Amino acid sequence: MLECDYEVKQIDGDYAHLQRIDRPEEELKLVARALLPMEIYEGCILHYEMMQYSMK
Protein backbone atom coordinates (compact mmCIF):
# COMPACT_ATOMS: atom_id res chain seq x y z
CA MET A 1 0.00 0.00 0.00
CA LEU A 2 1.46 3.33 -1.09
CA GLU A 3 2.07 5.91 1.63
CA CYS A 4 3.95 9.12 0.81
CA ASP A 5 4.03 12.91 1.05
CA TYR A 6 3.49 15.46 -1.71
CA GLU A 7 4.15 19.18 -2.01
CA VAL A 8 1.52 21.26 -3.79
CA LYS A 9 3.59 22.94 -6.50
CA GLN A 10 0.79 24.73 -8.34
CA ILE A 11 -2.96 25.16 -8.15
CA ASP A 12 -4.53 25.49 -11.58
CA GLY A 13 -8.30 25.95 -11.42
CA ASP A 14 -9.90 22.62 -10.51
CA TYR A 15 -6.56 20.79 -10.44
CA ALA A 16 -3.39 20.78 -8.36
CA HIS A 17 0.09 19.75 -9.47
CA LEU A 18 1.77 17.64 -6.78
CA GLN A 19 5.42 16.68 -6.44
CA ARG A 20 6.39 13.62 -4.45
CA ILE A 21 8.78 14.68 -1.67
CA ASP A 22 10.93 11.54 -1.66
CA ARG A 23 11.19 11.37 -5.49
CA PRO A 24 11.61 14.93 -6.77
CA GLU A 25 12.88 13.68 -10.13
CA GLU A 26 9.45 12.24 -11.02
CA GLU A 27 6.93 14.19 -13.07
CA LEU A 28 4.33 16.27 -11.27
CA LYS A 29 1.10 14.45 -10.51
CA LEU A 30 -2.11 16.16 -11.64
CA VAL A 31 -4.93 15.65 -9.12
CA ALA A 32 -8.48 17.02 -9.14
CA ARG A 33 -8.99 19.46 -6.26
CA ALA A 34 -12.23 17.67 -5.38
CA LEU A 35 -10.04 14.82 -4.08
CA LEU A 36 -7.90 17.12 -1.92
CA PRO A 37 -8.58 18.97 1.35
CA MET A 38 -10.29 22.33 0.73
CA GLU A 39 -7.65 24.32 2.64
CA ILE A 40 -4.69 23.45 0.39
CA TYR A 41 -2.37 26.19 -0.85
CA GLU A 42 0.75 26.27 -3.01
CA GLY A 43 3.71 25.03 -0.99
CA CYS A 44 1.72 23.00 1.54
CA ILE A 45 2.51 19.35 2.24
CA LEU A 46 -0.06 16.59 1.79
CA HIS A 47 0.09 13.06 3.13
CA TYR A 48 -1.30 10.29 0.92
CA GLU A 49 -2.46 7.04 2.48
CA MET A 50 -5.19 4.54 1.60
CA MET A 51 -6.32 6.57 -1.44
CA GLN A 52 -6.87 9.73 0.65
CA TYR A 53 -4.97 13.01 0.95
CA SER A 54 -4.67 14.94 4.21
CA MET A 55 -2.85 18.09 5.32
CA LYS A 56 0.38 17.42 7.12
PDB file of N, CA and C in Angstrom:
ATOM      1  N   MET A   1       0.851  -1.182   0.000  1.00  0.00           N
ATOM      2  CA  MET A   1       0.000   0.000   0.000  1.00  0.00           C
ATOM      3  C   MET A   1       0.898   1.247   0.000  1.00  0.00           C
ATOM      4  N   LEU A   2       0.650   2.126  -0.949  1.00  0.00           N
ATOM      5  CA  LEU A   2       1.461   3.333  -1.086  1.00  0.00           C
ATOM      6  C   LEU A   2       1.137   4.327   0.028  1.00  0.00           C
ATOM      7  N   GLU A   3       2.185   4.857   0.626  1.00  0.00           N
ATOM      8  CA  GLU A   3       2.067   5.911   1.634  1.00  0.00           C
ATOM      9  C   GLU A   3       3.223   6.874   1.390  1.00  0.00           C
ATOM     10  N   CYS A   4       2.901   8.155   1.106  1.00  0.00           N
ATOM     11  CA  CYS A   4       3.953   9.122   0.806  1.00  0.00           C
ATOM     12  C   CYS A   4       3.439  10.544   1.035  1.00  0.00           C
ATOM     13  N   ASP A   5       4.348  11.493   0.888  1.00  0.00           N
ATOM     14  CA  ASP A   5       4.027  12.908   1.049  1.00  0.00           C
ATOM     15  C   ASP A   5       4.256  13.637  -0.272  1.00  0.00           C
ATOM     16  N   TYR A   6       3.415  14.634  -0.508  1.00  0.00           N
ATOM     17  CA  TYR A   6       3.494  15.457  -1.712  1.00  0.00           C
ATOM     18  C   TYR A   6       3.527  16.926  -1.320  1.00  0.00           C
ATOM     19  N   GLU A   7       4.204  17.721  -2.138  1.00  0.00           N
ATOM     20  CA  GLU A   7       4.151  19.179  -2.005  1.00  0.00           C
ATOM     21  C   GLU A   7       3.263  19.703  -3.123  1.00  0.00           C
ATOM     22  N   VAL A   8       2.370  20.621  -2.785  1.00  0.00           N
ATOM     23  CA  VAL A   8       1.524  21.261  -3.793  1.00  0.00           C
ATOM     24  C   VAL A   8       2.383  22.310  -4.490  1.00  0.00           C
ATOM     25  N   LYS A   9       2.726  22.039  -5.744  1.00  0.00           N
ATOM     26  CA  LYS A   9       3.588  22.944  -6.503  1.00  0.00           C
ATOM     27  C   LYS A   9       2.793  24.059  -7.168  1.00  0.00           C
ATOM     28  N   GLN A  10       1.592  23.734  -7.643  1.00  0.00           N
ATOM     29  CA  GLN A  10       0.792  24.734  -8.345  1.00  0.00           C
ATOM     30  C   GLN A  10      -0.678  24.351  -8.255  1.00  0.00           C
ATOM     31  N   ILE A  11      -1.519  25.357  -8.089  1.00  0.00           N
ATOM     32  CA  ILE A  11      -2.963  25.161  -8.149  1.00  0.00           C
ATOM     33  C   ILE A  11      -3.434  25.827  -9.432  1.00  0.00           C
ATOM     34  N   ASP A  12      -4.114  25.035 -10.257  1.00  0.00           N
ATOM     35  CA  ASP A  12      -4.533  25.493 -11.576  1.00  0.00           C
ATOM     36  C   ASP A  12      -6.021  25.200 -11.745  1.00  0.00           C
ATOM     37  N   GLY A  13      -6.855  26.133 -11.312  1.00  0.00           N
ATOM     38  CA  GLY A  13      -8.302  25.946 -11.420  1.00  0.00           C
ATOM     39  C   GLY A  13      -8.786  24.781 -10.580  1.00  0.00           C
ATOM     40  N   ASP A  14      -9.356  23.782 -11.221  1.00  0.00           N
ATOM     41  CA  ASP A  14      -9.902  22.622 -10.514  1.00  0.00           C
ATOM     42  C   ASP A  14      -8.878  21.528 -10.277  1.00  0.00           C
ATOM     43  N   TYR A  15      -7.617  21.800 -10.574  1.00  0.00           N
ATOM     44  CA  TYR A  15      -6.564  20.791 -10.437  1.00  0.00           C
ATOM     45  C   TYR A  15      -5.377  21.334  -9.646  1.00  0.00           C
ATOM     46  N   ALA A  16      -4.626  20.414  -9.058  1.00  0.00           N
ATOM     47  CA  ALA A  16      -3.391  20.779  -8.360  1.00  0.00           C
ATOM     48  C   ALA A  16      -2.271  19.896  -8.893  1.00  0.00           C
ATOM     49  N   HIS A  17      -1.101  20.475  -9.027  1.00  0.00           N
ATOM     50  CA  HIS A  17       0.088  19.750  -9.469  1.00  0.00           C
ATOM     51  C   HIS A  17       0.903  19.406  -8.221  1.00  0.00           C
ATOM     52  N   LEU A  18       1.094  18.115  -7.988  1.00  0.00           N
ATOM     53  CA  LEU A  18       1.773  17.642  -6.782  1.00  0.00           C
ATOM     54  C   LEU A  18       3.113  17.029  -7.141  1.00  0.00           C
ATOM     55  N   GLN A  19       4.107  17.286  -6.265  1.00  0.00           N
ATOM     56  CA  GLN A  19       5.425  16.682  -6.442  1.00  0.00           C
ATOM     57  C   GLN A  19       5.719  15.797  -5.242  1.00  0.00           C
ATOM     58  N   ARG A  20       6.074  14.571  -5.520  1.00  0.00           N
ATOM     59  CA  ARG A  20       6.388  13.624  -4.449  1.00  0.00           C
ATOM     60  C   ARG A  20       7.674  14.068  -3.764  1.00  0.00           C
ATOM     61  N   ILE A  21       7.646  14.157  -2.448  1.00  0.00           N
ATOM     62  CA  ILE A  21       8.777  14.677  -1.669  1.00  0.00           C
ATOM     63  C   ILE A  21       9.998  13.762  -1.783  1.00  0.00           C
ATOM     64  N   ASP A  22       9.792  12.464  -1.673  1.00  0.00           N
ATOM     65  CA  ASP A  22      10.931  11.536  -1.660  1.00  0.00           C
ATOM     66  C   ASP A  22      11.441  11.174  -3.061  1.00  0.00           C
ATOM     67  N   ARG A  23      10.762  11.625  -4.107  1.00  0.00           N
ATOM     68  CA  ARG A  23      11.189  11.368  -5.488  1.00  0.00           C
ATOM     69  C   ARG A  23      11.014  12.631  -6.330  1.00  0.00           C
ATOM     70  N   PRO A  24      11.800  13.657  -6.055  1.00  0.00           N
ATOM     71  CA  PRO A  24      11.615  14.935  -6.769  1.00  0.00           C
ATOM     72  C   PRO A  24      11.912  14.861  -8.265  1.00  0.00           C
ATOM     73  N   GLU A  25      12.575  13.802  -8.714  1.00  0.00           N
ATOM     74  CA  GLU A  25      12.883  13.680 -10.132  1.00  0.00           C
ATOM     75  C   GLU A  25      11.677  13.221 -10.951  1.00  0.00           C
ATOM     76  N   GLU A  26      10.653  12.698 -10.303  1.00  0.00           N
ATOM     77  CA  GLU A  26       9.452  12.245 -11.016  1.00  0.00           C
ATOM     78  C   GLU A  26       8.636  13.432 -11.524  1.00  0.00           C
ATOM     79  N   GLU A  27       7.821  13.161 -12.538  1.00  0.00           N
ATOM     80  CA  GLU A  27       6.926  14.189 -13.073  1.00  0.00           C
ATOM     81  C   GLU A  27       5.905  14.595 -12.013  1.00  0.00           C
ATOM     82  N   LEU A  28       5.384  15.811 -12.162  1.00  0.00           N
ATOM     83  CA  LEU A  28       4.332  16.266 -11.270  1.00  0.00           C
ATOM     84  C   LEU A  28       3.076  15.448 -11.503  1.00  0.00           C
ATOM     85  N   LYS A  29       2.337  15.216 -10.439  1.00  0.00           N
ATOM     86  CA  LYS A  29       1.098  14.445 -10.509  1.00  0.00           C
ATOM     87  C   LYS A  29      -0.065  15.431 -10.537  1.00  0.00           C
ATOM     88  N   LEU A  30      -0.950  15.295 -11.510  1.00  0.00           N
ATOM     89  CA  LEU A  30      -2.109  16.161 -11.641  1.00  0.00           C
ATOM     90  C   LEU A  30      -3.287  15.499 -10.930  1.00  0.00           C
ATOM     91  N   VAL A  31      -3.846  16.205  -9.935  1.00  0.00           N
ATOM     92  CA  VAL A  31      -4.929  15.649  -9.121  1.00  0.00           C
ATOM     93  C   VAL A  31      -6.077  16.651  -9.071  1.00  0.00           C
ATOM     94  N   ALA A  32      -7.298  16.167  -9.237  1.00  0.00           N
ATOM     95  CA  ALA A  32      -8.479  17.023  -9.139  1.00  0.00           C
ATOM     96  C   ALA A  32      -8.599  17.565  -7.715  1.00  0.00           C
ATOM     97  N   ARG A  33      -8.889  18.842  -7.589  1.00  0.00           N
ATOM     98  CA  ARG A  33      -8.992  19.459  -6.261  1.00  0.00           C
ATOM     99  C   ARG A  33     -10.128  18.880  -5.443  1.00  0.00           C
ATOM    100  N   ALA A  34     -11.119  18.294  -6.095  1.00  0.00           N
ATOM    101  CA  ALA A  34     -12.233  17.668  -5.376  1.00  0.00           C
ATOM    102  C   ALA A  34     -11.752  16.500  -4.520  1.00  0.00           C
ATOM    103  N   LEU A  35     -10.595  15.938  -4.845  1.00  0.00           N
ATOM    104  CA  LEU A  35     -10.039  14.820  -4.081  1.00  0.00           C
ATOM    105  C   LEU A  35      -9.111  15.270  -2.957  1.00  0.00           C
ATOM    106  N   LEU A  36      -8.848  16.572  -2.897  1.00  0.00           N
ATOM    107  CA  LEU A  36      -7.895  17.121  -1.924  1.00  0.00           C
ATOM    108  C   LEU A  36      -8.620  17.922  -0.843  1.00  0.00           C
ATOM    109  N   PRO A  37      -7.968  18.127   0.311  1.00  0.00           N
ATOM    110  CA  PRO A  37      -8.581  18.970   1.345  1.00  0.00           C
ATOM    111  C   PRO A  37      -8.830  20.384   0.807  1.00  0.00           C
ATOM    112  N   MET A  38      -9.920  21.003   1.219  1.00  0.00           N
ATOM    113  CA  MET A  38     -10.291  22.331   0.726  1.00  0.00           C
ATOM    114  C   MET A  38      -9.262  23.407   1.048  1.00  0.00           C
ATOM    115  N   GLU A  39      -8.554  23.260   2.163  1.00  0.00           N
ATOM    116  CA  GLU A  39      -7.653  24.315   2.641  1.00  0.00           C
ATOM    117  C   GLU A  39      -6.252  24.275   2.037  1.00  0.00           C
ATOM    118  N   ILE A  40      -6.029  23.514   0.969  1.00  0.00           N
ATOM    119  CA  ILE A  40      -4.686  23.448   0.392  1.00  0.00           C
ATOM    120  C   ILE A  40      -4.263  24.800  -0.176  1.00  0.00           C
ATOM    121  N   TYR A  41      -2.960  25.004  -0.256  1.00  0.00           N
ATOM    122  CA  TYR A  41      -2.367  26.193  -0.854  1.00  0.00           C
ATOM    123  C   TYR A  41      -1.033  25.787  -1.459  1.00  0.00           C
ATOM    124  N   GLU A  42      -0.528  26.583  -2.379  1.00  0.00           N
ATOM    125  CA  GLU A  42       0.749  26.267  -3.010  1.00  0.00           C
ATOM    126  C   GLU A  42       1.852  26.254  -1.962  1.00  0.00           C
ATOM    127  N   GLY A  43       2.621  25.178  -1.949  1.00  0.00           N
ATOM    128  CA  GLY A  43       3.710  25.030  -0.989  1.00  0.00           C
ATOM    129  C   GLY A  43       3.365  24.150   0.200  1.00  0.00           C
ATOM    130  N   CYS A  44       2.092  23.841   0.399  1.00  0.00           N
ATOM    131  CA  CYS A  44       1.722  23.004   1.544  1.00  0.00           C
ATOM    132  C   CYS A  44       2.082  21.542   1.272  1.00  0.00           C
ATOM    133  N   ILE A  45       2.152  20.757   2.330  1.00  0.00           N
ATOM    134  CA  ILE A  45       2.509  19.348   2.242  1.00  0.00           C
ATOM    135  C   ILE A  45       1.265  18.501   2.512  1.00  0.00           C
ATOM    136  N   LEU A  46       1.066  17.513   1.647  1.00  0.00           N
ATOM    137  CA  LEU A  46      -0.057  16.593   1.786  1.00  0.00           C
ATOM    138  C   LEU A  46       0.474  15.187   2.048  1.00  0.00           C
ATOM    139  N   HIS A  47      -0.238  14.460   2.874  1.00  0.00           N
ATOM    140  CA  HIS A  47       0.095  13.058   3.135  1.00  0.00           C
ATOM    141  C   HIS A  47      -0.923  12.198   2.400  1.00  0.00           C
ATOM    142  N   TYR A  48      -0.437  11.202   1.677  1.00  0.00           N
ATOM    143  CA  TYR A  48      -1.296  10.291   0.924  1.00  0.00           C
ATOM    144  C   TYR A  48      -1.222   8.909   1.547  1.00  0.00           C
ATOM    145  N   GLU A  49      -2.386   8.372   1.897  1.00  0.00           N
ATOM    146  CA  GLU A  49      -2.456   7.040   2.478  1.00  0.00           C
ATOM    147  C   GLU A  49      -3.858   6.479   2.242  1.00  0.00           C
ATOM    148  N   MET A  50      -3.926   5.231   1.827  1.00  0.00           N
ATOM    149  CA  MET A  50      -5.193   4.538   1.598  1.00  0.00           C
ATOM    150  C   MET A  50      -6.135   5.333   0.686  1.00  0.00           C
ATOM    151  N   MET A  51      -5.571   5.838  -0.414  1.00  0.00           N
ATOM    152  CA  MET A  51      -6.319   6.572  -1.440  1.00  0.00           C
ATOM    153  C   MET A  51      -6.947   7.870  -0.930  1.00  0.00           C
ATOM    154  N   GLN A  52      -6.362   8.463   0.113  1.00  0.00           N
ATOM    155  CA  GLN A  52      -6.868   9.735   0.652  1.00  0.00           C
ATOM    156  C   GLN A  52      -5.692  10.675   0.910  1.00  0.00           C
ATOM    157  N   TYR A  53      -5.947  11.966   0.677  1.00  0.00           N
ATOM    158  CA  TYR A  53      -4.969  13.010   0.947  1.00  0.00           C
ATOM    159  C   TYR A  53      -5.386  13.773   2.197  1.00  0.00           C
ATOM    160  N   SER A  54      -4.395  14.126   3.028  1.00  0.00           N
ATOM    161  CA  SER A  54      -4.671  14.939   4.209  1.00  0.00           C
ATOM    162  C   SER A  54      -3.544  15.952   4.388  1.00  0.00           C
ATOM    163  N   MET A  55      -3.861  17.070   5.034  1.00  0.00           N
ATOM    164  CA  MET A  55      -2.853  18.090   5.317  1.00  0.00           C
ATOM    165  C   MET A  55      -1.877  17.540   6.346  1.00  0.00           C
ATOM    166  N   LYS A  56      -0.643  17.884   6.173  1.00  0.00           N
ATOM    167  CA  LYS A  56       0.381  17.423   7.122  1.00  0.00           C
ATOM    168  C   LYS A  56       0.794  18.559   8.018  1.00  0.00           C
TER     169      LYS A  56
END
